[in-house]
Each structure stands twice: as structure tokens, then as C-alpha cells.
Amino acid sequence: MTWATSSNVYAPQGNRAHAPVVVWIHGGGFFGGAGQDTNPRKFVQQTGAIVVTVNYRLGPLGYLNLPELRAENANGAGNYGLLDQQSALRWVRSNIGHFGGDAKNVTIAGQSAGGSSVCDQLASPTAKGLFARAVIMSGSCALQTAAAGETQSQAFVKEIGCATAPDVLACLRAKPASAIVAAQVKAPIRPSLGGTAFPVDPGTAVQTGNFTKVPVMLGQTNSERGLFTFQTYDYLGTPMTADQYTQAVKSTYGTNADKVLAEYPLTAYPTPGQAWTAVQNGSTSYDRQQLMARLSKWVPTYAYEFAESDTPHFTSIYRLQQQSATARDFPFGGAIHVDDLGYIWDYLGQTLPYDDDQLELSRQMITFWDHFTTTGDPNGSGTPNWPKYSTKTGELMSLKACDTAPSSNKPPAACSQSTRDFAQEHDLDFWQSLGSA
């Protein structure tokens, strides 16, 4: 079986020969998004690099894991979409030279589900040799088991009305796109392990060193979970209640729930939603720190936190805020999941209203990314020193803009600097004391 995908190639006019190449894997929870959502114009213009954005199969089309599919082909069930990404990388290797790109200097990068995809490719033996560096933005390193993927898939088959069909695959293939989209909302499907391409959980692979060893840049925003609190509760017109907060903590943290409730009491926060955001930010940051530590044992690892809390939010939220008082007034708690993306690329045809200091931060971040995608090290002239991540120091780059007064004679500037405060800011000693978040 062959895997098909589509790619968009962005190259600067008069681009240099053997230009570094960035292959961007979009996010969207493995059920939404498209390569064309990303406009890398400003990155390409500033750096002279070539950027390739890719599409890959999503939802049930990308990740159904059923025995009937495994009978058709042992490889692919549960991870067709991830194999599409590898197909795109093979296309880049064969063809990017025609655009002036260096096939031996390819960086795979992604955010959220795209960042998780990057880690999946790091752990995939069939992706070895297709890239020279990796960027994981707000992504994790984990693939569910094939059994868990099949459980999700069977729930989808039932939801779409094919569970009792004599030929399940024929029933599924006859369904219109509208039915598939409607069913996946109620019965979502995520990638799972399986086949020769994804035999090992990426979380295990980065712990044991059984992955493609290339330099890695990874990080997060300082309020990763604020967006999800908003989406799950306030956006739907049902802000989280005190009882819902208690139940959410108990269902998520199990035997550690009482300790979490004591560490994050409702009395310490204006609303239950803000308490829940704080809890989730802490546990997510702990997981991210653990990933930084595991990768840094094996490869040069450069960690960051996007900490520009006054930023205009990502395009979709920014647009919503223009129409909705709920979105304008919601306490997101800082820079949310996806807020850093607008500083690297433009999205959905929208230029966000960054102030001059934030535009300088954007220029600086693109410079960091340019250095890394060219050499595997974000350091270079004109930027603050960014040390490799080490468990001894926990030091990472805090990316943020200055707050230059419009009336001052000072030029706008970024105020990024390396910091060792990540653990304290996110209460990581507490999460470490639980043994696991």
C-alpha cells in the first residue's frame, strides 16, 4: 500500500542554494486543521529557509484501528495519518532540491498534535534518516496501545451505525463525509501503536534512548490549559462549578486527588475554572519537564516557555473575542496553548495586532528558530544565550516582549532570557512529590 499526502512549498525569491528546510506538521487534536492554515511568509522572508506545510489524514480516516483493517494490511491501522507525514518527508527528500532546499538539512516541527507527531516520528524506525532536527511545540510523547485504539474505533463504528453491518468496512466506506464528521465529535479517535512504523510507545522510546537522535527544541506556553478550561466550560455558557472542580480533580488524579485539592484549594482562586486551570497548568508543566529531562539525556535539547502573557491570543480566539464578551473577559491566565504560533507564522489570513515590542519578540523567535533549523543550535549573533537543558539546572529560555513605554526614547525590544524559575512558577516540587502527575 502507498501513502498519499499533499504539501505546500514556500521558498523565498532568489533563495540561497542548499537552504535549510522546515517541514511543518499542523496541530488540531488529530481531527482538525490543514496545512494551508499556516502562512510562513514572514519566517521565509526573514530567514531565507524553505518551509513545507503538509496535510495528513485526520480523525477516523487517519486513525481507525479495526481488525478488518489489519486484515487488509498489517501496517497502517491506527496510524495512517502518521504514515502520511512520513510520505511527505520522503517526497521532500526526493524533491526539495528542485526548490533550492537541502534534503540533508530538514527539520520537522509541529505544535500540539503536530508536536506529538514529531515525537512519534522520532520514535519511528521507518522515519530514521528523513530529518536532521526536531521541534516539539506544546506536544507530548505518547501513543495509546493498539487495544485502546481499537476500543475507540469500535465506539466510532457503533456511533456511525455500522456495528451490526455484515461488512463493517463497506458500511463505513459508504458513509458521507457529514456523517463521519458528526460521529467523530461524539466518538473521537486518536493514533495508536502498530505495524513496523510505530512498534514502540514514544514515551518509552525517549526514556530508553531508542529513537532517532537529533537535536531537539521543545517547549510550551505559560498557561497551556487556560484555553481548554474556556472551551469546555465558559464557551458553552456553563462555567465550572465548585462541585465540578472537585469531581474533575478526583477523576483526573485518582488517589492523589485529596493532595491536589489541598494544594489548590478553591478558596485560593476567584473561580473554580481558574483553580482548574492552575491545576492543569501545573501537571502539564511537570509532564513537559520530564520530557525535557528524558530527551536531554540523549540529545542536545533546548527548552523554552513562551511567557508573553499580554499577547493578543491566537487567531481563532482573537476573532472570537471581537464578537463575544465571554471570550474577552475570560481569565486565560497568561499565554495559552497556540499563542506562540503567531510569532513564527501567520494564520488563517489574519495579521494579529502585536505592539512594537511583540514584533521584536517575533523577530527574535524567528532568529532563534532559524539558527536551530540551520545548525541544530538556537544560539547565534544578536540573541541572548540559550543553554542546553540540563536536569542539574532546569534552565530554559523564557520568551517574552519588553514593555517599552510609547513616550520613551527607547527602541522596542524583546526581553527574553534564560531562567531557572520554571519549576517554582509551576509548583513542580509538589507534582514531583506525587510520583507522577
Protein backbone atom coordinates (compact mmCIF):
# COMPACT_ATOMS: atom_id res chain seq x y z
CA MET A 1 0.00 0.00 0.00
CA THR A 2 1.23 3.52 -0.77
CA TRP A 3 0.56 6.58 1.34
CA ALA A 4 -0.51 9.83 -0.24
CA THR A 5 -0.34 13.37 1.09
CA SER A 6 -0.26 16.93 -0.20
CA SER A 7 2.28 19.61 0.59
CA ASN A 8 2.69 23.35 0.14
CA VAL A 9 6.22 24.62 -0.53
CA TYR A 10 7.22 28.19 0.38
CA ALA A 11 10.58 29.38 -0.92
CA PRO A 12 11.97 32.95 -0.96
CA GLN A 13 12.70 34.73 -4.20
CA GLY A 14 16.33 34.25 -5.07
CA ASN A 15 16.71 31.72 -2.30
CA ARG A 16 20.19 30.52 -1.46
CA ALA A 17 21.33 27.12 -2.68
CA HIS A 18 21.07 24.28 -0.20
CA ALA A 19 18.72 26.25 2.03
CA PRO A 20 17.60 24.63 5.29
CA VAL A 21 14.13 23.11 5.13
CA VAL A 22 11.39 23.17 7.75
CA VAL A 23 8.54 20.67 7.39
CA TRP A 24 5.61 21.94 9.47
CA ILE A 25 3.06 19.48 10.86
CA HIS A 26 -0.09 21.34 11.90
CA GLY A 27 -1.99 20.71 15.12
CA GLY A 28 -5.69 20.25 15.68
CA GLY A 29 -6.11 17.31 18.03
CA PHE A 30 -5.64 14.78 15.20
CA PHE A 31 -9.13 15.64 13.94
CA GLY A 32 -8.87 19.20 12.57
CA GLY A 33 -6.61 21.67 10.83
CA ALA A 34 -4.89 21.85 7.45
CA GLY A 35 -1.51 22.74 6.06
CA GLN A 36 -2.92 25.77 4.28
CA ASP A 37 -3.94 27.32 7.63
CA THR A 38 -0.28 28.22 8.17
CA ASN A 39 1.30 31.10 6.25
CA PRO A 40 5.08 31.06 6.82
CA ARG A 41 5.71 34.22 4.76
CA LYS A 42 7.47 36.22 7.49
CA PHE A 43 9.63 33.26 8.51
CA VAL A 44 10.70 32.61 4.92
CA GLN A 45 11.39 36.28 4.24
CA GLN A 46 13.48 36.77 7.38
CA THR A 47 15.47 33.53 7.22
CA GLY A 48 15.70 32.50 3.58
CA ALA A 49 14.69 28.99 4.62
CA ILE A 50 12.21 26.83 2.76
CA VAL A 51 9.04 25.83 4.62
CA VAL A 52 6.85 22.90 3.64
CA THR A 53 3.40 22.57 5.21
CA VAL A 54 1.71 19.19 4.90
CA ASN A 55 -1.71 17.64 5.12
CA TYR A 56 -2.33 14.25 6.66
CA ARG A 57 -5.40 12.14 7.27
CA LEU A 58 -7.37 13.06 10.38
CA GLY A 59 -9.96 11.52 12.69
CA PRO A 60 -11.32 8.12 11.70
CA LEU A 61 -9.86 8.42 8.20
CA GLY A 62 -6.41 8.64 9.76
CA TYR A 63 -6.58 6.52 12.88
CA LEU A 64 -9.24 3.80 12.79
CA ASN A 65 -7.76 0.62 14.24
CA LEU A 66 -10.03 -2.31 13.43
CA PRO A 67 -9.31 -6.00 12.90
CA GLU A 68 -10.88 -5.72 9.44
CA LEU A 69 -8.34 -3.04 8.51
CA ARG A 70 -5.45 -5.02 9.96
CA ALA A 71 -6.56 -7.97 7.86
CA GLU A 72 -6.26 -5.81 4.74
CA ASN A 73 -2.80 -4.59 5.69
CA ALA A 74 -0.85 -5.22 8.87
CA ASN A 75 0.77 -1.78 8.66
CA GLY A 76 -1.24 1.39 8.95
CA ALA A 77 -4.31 0.62 11.02
CA GLY A 78 -4.26 3.15 13.83
CA ASN A 79 -1.67 5.44 12.26
CA TYR A 80 -2.44 6.14 8.60
CA GLY A 81 -2.13 9.88 9.26
CA LEU A 82 1.33 9.49 10.78
CA LEU A 83 2.38 7.43 7.76
CA ASP A 84 1.12 10.27 5.55
CA GLN A 85 3.59 12.53 7.34
CA GLN A 86 6.40 10.12 6.55
CA SER A 87 5.28 10.05 2.93
CA ALA A 88 5.56 13.84 2.84
CA LEU A 89 9.06 13.64 4.32
CA ARG A 90 10.10 11.15 1.65
CA TRP A 91 8.71 13.49 -1.01
CA VAL A 92 10.75 16.32 0.49
CA ARG A 93 13.90 14.21 0.47
CA SER A 94 13.40 13.39 -3.23
CA ASN A 95 12.21 16.76 -4.50
CA ILE A 96 13.19 19.68 -2.28
CA GLY A 97 16.44 20.17 -4.16
CA HIS A 98 14.40 21.45 -7.11
CA PHE A 99 13.29 24.36 -4.88
CA GLY A 100 16.79 25.14 -3.65
CA GLY A 101 16.48 23.18 -0.43
CA ASP A 102 18.99 20.90 1.26
CA ALA A 103 17.49 17.42 1.61
CA LYS A 104 20.10 16.64 4.26
CA ASN A 105 19.11 19.61 6.43
CA VAL A 106 15.43 19.04 7.16
CA THR A 107 13.79 20.00 10.45
CA ILE A 108 10.43 18.50 11.36
CA ALA A 109 8.39 20.83 13.54
CA GLY A 110 4.87 20.86 14.89
CA GLN A 111 2.60 22.19 17.61
CA SER A 112 0.07 20.36 19.81
CA ALA A 113 -0.98 17.26 17.84
CA GLY A 114 1.69 18.29 15.35
CA GLY A 115 4.28 18.41 18.14
CA SER A 116 3.19 14.98 19.34
CA SER A 117 3.50 13.79 15.75
CA VAL A 118 7.10 14.99 15.71
CA CYS A 119 7.85 12.83 18.76
CA ASP A 120 6.04 9.91 17.13
CA GLN A 121 8.35 10.28 14.13
CA LEU A 122 11.39 10.45 16.39
CA ALA A 123 10.39 7.04 17.76
CA SER A 124 9.52 5.51 14.37
CA PRO A 125 12.23 3.28 12.86
CA THR A 126 10.87 3.92 9.35
CA ALA A 127 11.32 7.71 9.72
CA LYS A 128 15.01 7.45 10.53
CA GLY A 129 17.10 9.45 8.08
CA LEU A 130 14.24 11.67 6.92
CA PHE A 131 15.12 14.65 9.15
CA ALA A 132 18.10 16.19 10.95
CA ARG A 133 16.41 18.13 13.78
CA ALA A 134 13.09 18.28 15.57
CA VAL A 135 10.91 20.98 17.16
CA ILE A 136 8.12 19.95 19.57
CA MET A 137 5.84 22.84 20.50
CA SER A 138 3.26 22.07 23.22
CA GLY A 139 3.32 18.39 22.30
CA SER A 140 3.69 15.15 24.22
CA CYS A 141 5.46 11.86 23.59
CA ALA A 142 2.85 9.13 23.83
CA LEU A 143 0.83 6.81 21.61
CA GLN A 144 -2.02 4.75 23.01
CA THR A 145 -1.93 0.97 22.67
CA ALA A 146 -3.47 -0.80 19.71
CA ALA A 147 -6.08 -2.24 22.08
CA ALA A 148 -7.08 1.22 23.29
CA GLY A 149 -7.20 2.43 19.71
CA GLU A 150 -9.48 -0.46 18.77
CA THR A 151 -11.79 0.35 21.69
CA GLN A 152 -12.08 3.93 20.43
CA SER A 153 -12.60 2.68 16.88
CA GLN A 154 -15.38 0.28 17.87
CA ALA A 155 -17.14 3.14 19.66
CA PHE A 156 -16.96 5.16 16.45
CA VAL A 157 -18.30 2.24 14.40
CA LYS A 158 -21.23 1.99 16.77
CA GLU A 159 -21.85 5.74 16.73
CA ILE A 160 -21.94 5.90 12.95
CA GLY A 161 -24.31 2.93 12.72
CA CYS A 162 -22.09 0.19 11.28
CA ALA A 163 -21.63 -2.08 14.32
CA THR A 164 -24.15 -4.68 13.13
CA ALA A 165 -23.39 -4.44 9.41
CA PRO A 166 -22.39 -7.72 7.75
CA ASP A 167 -19.43 -5.90 6.15
CA VAL A 168 -18.23 -3.20 8.53
CA LEU A 169 -15.70 -1.67 6.14
CA ALA A 170 -18.20 -1.49 3.28
CA CYS A 171 -20.66 0.22 5.62
CA LEU A 172 -18.06 2.75 6.76
CA ARG A 173 -16.88 3.47 3.24
CA ALA A 174 -20.42 4.18 2.11
CA LYS A 175 -20.99 6.87 4.74
CA PRO A 176 -20.94 10.51 3.58
CA ALA A 177 -18.38 12.94 4.95
CA SER A 178 -21.04 14.72 7.01
CA ALA A 179 -21.85 11.51 8.89
CA ILE A 180 -18.17 10.86 9.58
CA VAL A 181 -17.64 14.36 10.95
CA ALA A 182 -20.76 14.15 13.13
CA ALA A 183 -19.78 10.75 14.53
CA GLN A 184 -16.19 11.71 15.32
CA VAL A 185 -17.41 14.57 17.53
CA LYS A 186 -19.14 12.04 19.79
CA ALA A 187 -16.60 9.24 19.37
CA PRO A 188 -13.15 10.77 18.72
CA ILE A 189 -10.22 8.65 17.62
CA ARG A 190 -6.52 9.21 18.21
CA PRO A 191 -3.45 7.47 16.78
CA SER A 192 -2.35 4.15 18.23
CA LEU A 193 0.64 1.85 18.11
CA GLY A 194 1.00 -0.81 15.47
CA GLY A 195 2.84 -2.11 12.43
CA THR A 196 6.52 -1.78 11.61
CA ALA A 197 6.43 2.02 11.69
CA PHE A 198 5.15 2.52 15.24
CA PRO A 199 6.03 -0.54 17.30
CA VAL A 200 7.12 1.29 20.49
CA ASP A 201 5.46 3.95 22.61
CA PRO A 202 7.36 7.22 22.01
CA GLY A 203 7.31 7.87 25.75
CA THR A 204 9.23 4.66 26.29
CA ALA A 205 11.50 5.34 23.33
CA VAL A 206 12.73 8.71 24.65
CA GLN A 207 13.27 7.21 28.09
CA THR A 208 15.37 4.31 26.83
CA GLY A 209 17.15 6.16 24.02
CA ASN A 210 15.52 4.04 21.33
CA PHE A 211 14.77 6.91 18.96
CA THR A 212 16.36 8.92 16.16
CA LYS A 213 18.97 11.01 17.95
CA VAL A 214 18.86 14.54 16.56
CA PRO A 215 18.93 17.95 18.30
CA VAL A 216 15.54 18.85 19.75
CA MET A 217 13.91 22.15 20.64
CA LEU A 218 10.77 21.87 22.75
CA GLY A 219 8.58 23.97 24.97
CA GLN A 220 5.19 25.32 25.91
CA THR A 221 3.18 28.42 26.77
CA ASN A 222 2.89 29.51 30.39
CA SER A 223 -0.87 28.83 30.58
CA GLU A 224 -1.28 25.80 28.35
CA ARG A 225 -4.60 24.73 29.85
CA GLY A 226 -6.41 28.06 30.08
CA LEU A 227 -7.74 27.57 26.54
CA PHE A 228 -9.21 24.17 27.38
CA THR A 229 -10.97 25.42 30.51
CA PHE A 230 -12.58 28.09 28.34
CA GLN A 231 -13.54 25.66 25.56
CA THR A 232 -15.00 23.05 27.88
CA TYR A 233 -16.97 25.30 30.18
CA ASP A 234 -17.34 29.06 29.67
CA TYR A 235 -17.50 28.99 25.86
CA LEU A 236 -20.51 26.67 26.18
CA GLY A 237 -22.17 29.04 28.64
CA THR A 238 -21.65 26.75 31.63
CA PRO A 239 -18.73 27.98 33.79
CA MET A 240 -17.20 25.30 36.00
CA THR A 241 -18.86 24.92 39.40
CA ALA A 242 -17.22 24.08 42.71
CA ASP A 243 -18.63 20.54 42.58
CA GLN A 244 -17.40 20.09 39.02
CA TYR A 245 -13.93 21.21 40.10
CA THR A 246 -13.81 18.64 42.88
CA GLN A 247 -15.06 15.89 40.59
CA ALA A 248 -12.64 16.83 37.81
CA VAL A 249 -9.70 16.63 40.21
CA LYS A 250 -10.88 13.28 41.59
CA SER A 251 -11.47 11.72 38.18
CA THR A 252 -8.15 13.00 36.79
CA TYR A 253 -5.80 12.45 39.72
CA GLY A 254 -7.33 9.45 41.46
CA THR A 255 -5.59 8.51 44.68
CA ASN A 256 -3.69 11.82 44.65
CA ALA A 257 -6.88 13.90 44.39
CA ASP A 258 -7.02 14.90 48.06
CA LYS A 259 -3.43 16.15 47.92
CA VAL A 260 -4.19 18.14 44.77
CA LEU A 261 -7.31 19.68 46.34
CA ALA A 262 -5.28 20.65 49.39
CA GLU A 263 -2.53 22.20 47.25
CA TYR A 264 -5.02 24.04 45.02
CA PRO A 265 -7.97 24.91 47.30
CA LEU A 266 -10.93 26.72 45.79
CA THR A 267 -10.52 29.47 48.37
CA ALA A 268 -7.25 30.48 46.72
CA TYR A 269 -8.86 31.30 43.37
CA PRO A 270 -11.56 33.72 42.19
CA THR A 271 -13.43 30.95 40.33
CA PRO A 272 -13.41 27.13 40.12
CA GLY A 273 -12.34 27.47 36.48
CA GLN A 274 -9.21 29.39 37.45
CA ALA A 275 -8.40 26.76 40.08
CA TRP A 276 -8.76 24.03 37.45
CA THR A 277 -6.53 25.94 35.01
CA ALA A 278 -3.86 26.26 37.70
CA VAL A 279 -4.00 22.54 38.47
CA GLN A 280 -3.80 21.54 34.84
CA ASN A 281 -1.02 24.02 34.13
CA GLY A 282 0.98 22.51 36.97
CA SER A 283 0.57 18.88 35.97
CA THR A 284 1.11 19.63 32.27
CA SER A 285 4.28 21.58 33.05
CA TYR A 286 5.53 18.68 35.17
CA ASP A 287 5.00 16.26 32.29
CA ARG A 288 6.79 18.67 29.95
CA GLN A 289 9.72 18.97 32.36
CA GLN A 290 10.00 15.19 32.47
CA LEU A 291 10.13 15.08 28.67
CA MET A 292 12.84 17.75 28.63
CA ALA A 293 14.87 15.70 31.09
CA ARG A 294 14.48 12.44 29.18
CA LEU A 295 15.44 13.93 25.84
CA SER A 296 18.39 15.85 27.29
CA LYS A 297 19.93 12.59 28.47
CA TRP A 298 20.40 11.51 24.86
CA VAL A 299 20.47 14.53 22.55
CA PRO A 300 21.18 18.30 22.62
CA THR A 301 17.90 19.69 23.97
CA TYR A 302 16.87 23.33 24.02
CA ALA A 303 13.80 24.06 26.15
CA TYR A 304 11.64 27.16 26.27
CA GLU A 305 8.50 28.66 27.73
CA PHE A 306 6.54 31.29 25.83
CA ALA A 307 5.78 33.74 28.63
CA GLU A 308 4.40 36.79 26.79
CA SER A 309 1.20 36.92 28.85
CA ASP A 310 -0.09 40.19 27.33
CA THR A 311 -0.11 38.83 23.80
CA PRO A 312 -3.10 39.00 21.50
CA HIS A 313 -4.41 35.45 21.55
CA PHE A 314 -4.21 33.04 18.62
CA THR A 315 -6.24 33.98 15.55
CA SER A 316 -9.36 31.91 16.27
CA ILE A 317 -9.62 33.17 19.87
CA TYR A 318 -8.79 36.73 18.83
CA ARG A 319 -11.64 36.69 16.32
CA LEU A 320 -14.00 35.25 18.90
CA GLN A 321 -13.06 37.99 21.34
CA GLN A 322 -14.19 40.60 18.82
CA GLN A 323 -17.70 39.12 18.96
CA SER A 324 -18.06 37.67 22.46
CA ALA A 325 -17.83 39.37 25.84
CA THR A 326 -17.38 35.93 27.40
CA ALA A 327 -14.21 35.40 25.39
CA ARG A 328 -12.98 38.96 26.02
CA ASP A 329 -13.47 38.73 29.77
CA PHE A 330 -12.31 35.16 30.36
CA PRO A 331 -9.23 34.89 32.62
CA PHE A 332 -7.00 32.70 30.46
CA GLY A 333 -4.16 33.02 32.97
CA GLY A 334 -1.38 34.00 30.59
CA ALA A 335 -0.23 32.90 27.16
CA ILE A 336 -2.44 30.00 26.14
CA HIS A 337 -1.94 26.91 24.01
CA VAL A 338 -1.21 28.13 20.42
CA ASP A 339 -0.42 31.77 21.35
CA ASP A 340 3.26 31.31 20.44
CA LEU A 341 2.45 30.26 16.87
CA GLY A 342 1.58 33.75 15.64
CA TYR A 343 5.12 34.88 16.44
CA ILE A 344 6.56 32.34 13.99
CA TRP A 345 3.89 32.17 11.27
CA ASP A 346 0.67 33.96 10.29
CA TYR A 347 -2.63 32.08 10.43
CA LEU A 348 -5.95 31.98 8.64
CA GLY A 349 -5.32 35.15 6.67
CA GLN A 350 -5.19 37.27 9.84
CA THR A 351 -2.40 39.59 10.97
CA LEU A 352 -2.66 39.98 14.73
CA PRO A 353 -2.27 43.44 16.34
CA TYR A 354 1.10 42.95 18.00
CA ASP A 355 2.72 46.02 19.55
CA ASP A 356 6.25 47.03 18.62
CA ASP A 357 7.86 45.09 21.48
CA GLN A 358 5.95 41.97 20.47
CA LEU A 359 7.06 42.41 16.86
CA GLU A 360 10.64 42.46 18.17
CA LEU A 361 9.91 39.25 20.07
CA SER A 362 8.62 37.73 16.84
CA ARG A 363 11.80 38.74 15.03
CA GLN A 364 13.89 37.28 17.86
CA MET A 365 11.98 33.99 17.96
CA ILE A 366 12.31 33.56 14.21
CA THR A 367 16.05 34.20 14.60
CA PHE A 368 16.28 31.51 17.30
CA TRP A 369 14.32 29.08 15.12
CA ASP A 370 16.48 29.98 12.09
CA HIS A 371 19.70 29.25 13.97
CA PHE A 372 18.33 25.96 15.22
CA THR A 373 16.99 24.75 11.89
CA THR A 374 20.29 25.69 10.23
CA THR A 375 22.77 24.32 12.78
CA GLY A 376 20.88 22.41 15.47
CA ASP A 377 21.67 25.15 18.00
CA PRO A 378 19.44 28.23 18.54
CA ASN A 379 22.39 30.38 19.60
CA GLY A 380 23.98 32.94 17.31
CA SER A 381 24.74 36.60 16.95
CA GLY A 382 22.14 39.09 18.13
CA THR A 383 20.26 36.84 20.57
CA PRO A 384 20.61 36.10 24.31
CA ASN A 385 22.40 32.90 25.27
CA TRP A 386 20.17 29.82 25.30
CA PRO A 387 21.80 26.98 27.27
CA LYS A 388 21.19 23.33 26.61
CA TYR A 389 18.66 21.87 29.00
CA SER A 390 20.15 20.07 31.99
CA THR A 391 18.41 18.38 34.89
CA LYS A 392 21.03 19.93 37.17
CA THR A 393 19.87 23.48 36.46
CA GLY A 394 16.42 23.13 34.85
CA GLU A 395 17.34 26.23 32.86
CA LEU A 396 15.28 27.17 29.84
CA MET A 397 14.59 30.20 27.65
CA SER A 398 11.72 32.44 28.73
CA LEU A 399 10.37 34.11 25.58
CA LYS A 400 8.68 37.46 26.18
CA ALA A 401 8.49 41.05 24.98
CA CYS A 402 9.58 44.13 26.87
CA ASP A 403 7.08 46.78 27.95
CA THR A 404 8.56 49.87 26.35
CA ALA A 405 6.52 52.99 27.08
CA PRO A 406 5.33 54.65 23.84
CA SER A 407 6.51 58.01 25.21
CA SER A 408 10.06 56.82 25.85
CA ASN A 409 13.04 57.24 23.56
CA LYS A 410 13.97 53.59 23.93
CA PRO A 411 13.52 51.35 20.89
CA PRO A 412 11.09 48.43 21.11
CA ALA A 413 12.71 45.21 22.26
CA ALA A 414 12.27 41.61 23.30
CA CYS A 415 13.06 40.73 26.92
CA SER A 416 13.71 37.01 26.55
CA GLN A 417 16.24 35.48 28.92
CA SER A 418 17.28 32.12 30.27
CA THR A 419 15.71 31.30 33.62
CA ARG A 420 15.74 28.64 36.30
CA ASP A 421 12.33 29.63 37.69
CA PHE A 422 10.20 27.22 35.64
CA ALA A 423 9.86 24.66 38.46
CA GLN A 424 8.95 27.25 41.08
CA GLU A 425 6.49 29.08 38.84
CA HIS A 426 4.58 25.87 38.10
CA ASP A 427 4.79 24.23 41.55
CA LEU A 428 6.74 21.30 40.15
CA ASP A 429 8.12 20.19 43.52
CA PHE A 430 4.56 19.37 44.52
CA TRP A 431 3.88 17.39 41.34
CA GLN A 432 7.21 15.62 41.74
CA SER A 433 6.16 14.61 45.28
CA LEU A 434 3.16 12.75 43.87
CA GLY A 435 5.46 10.43 41.97
CA SER A 436 3.61 11.08 38.71
CA ALA A 437 1.24 13.73 37.51
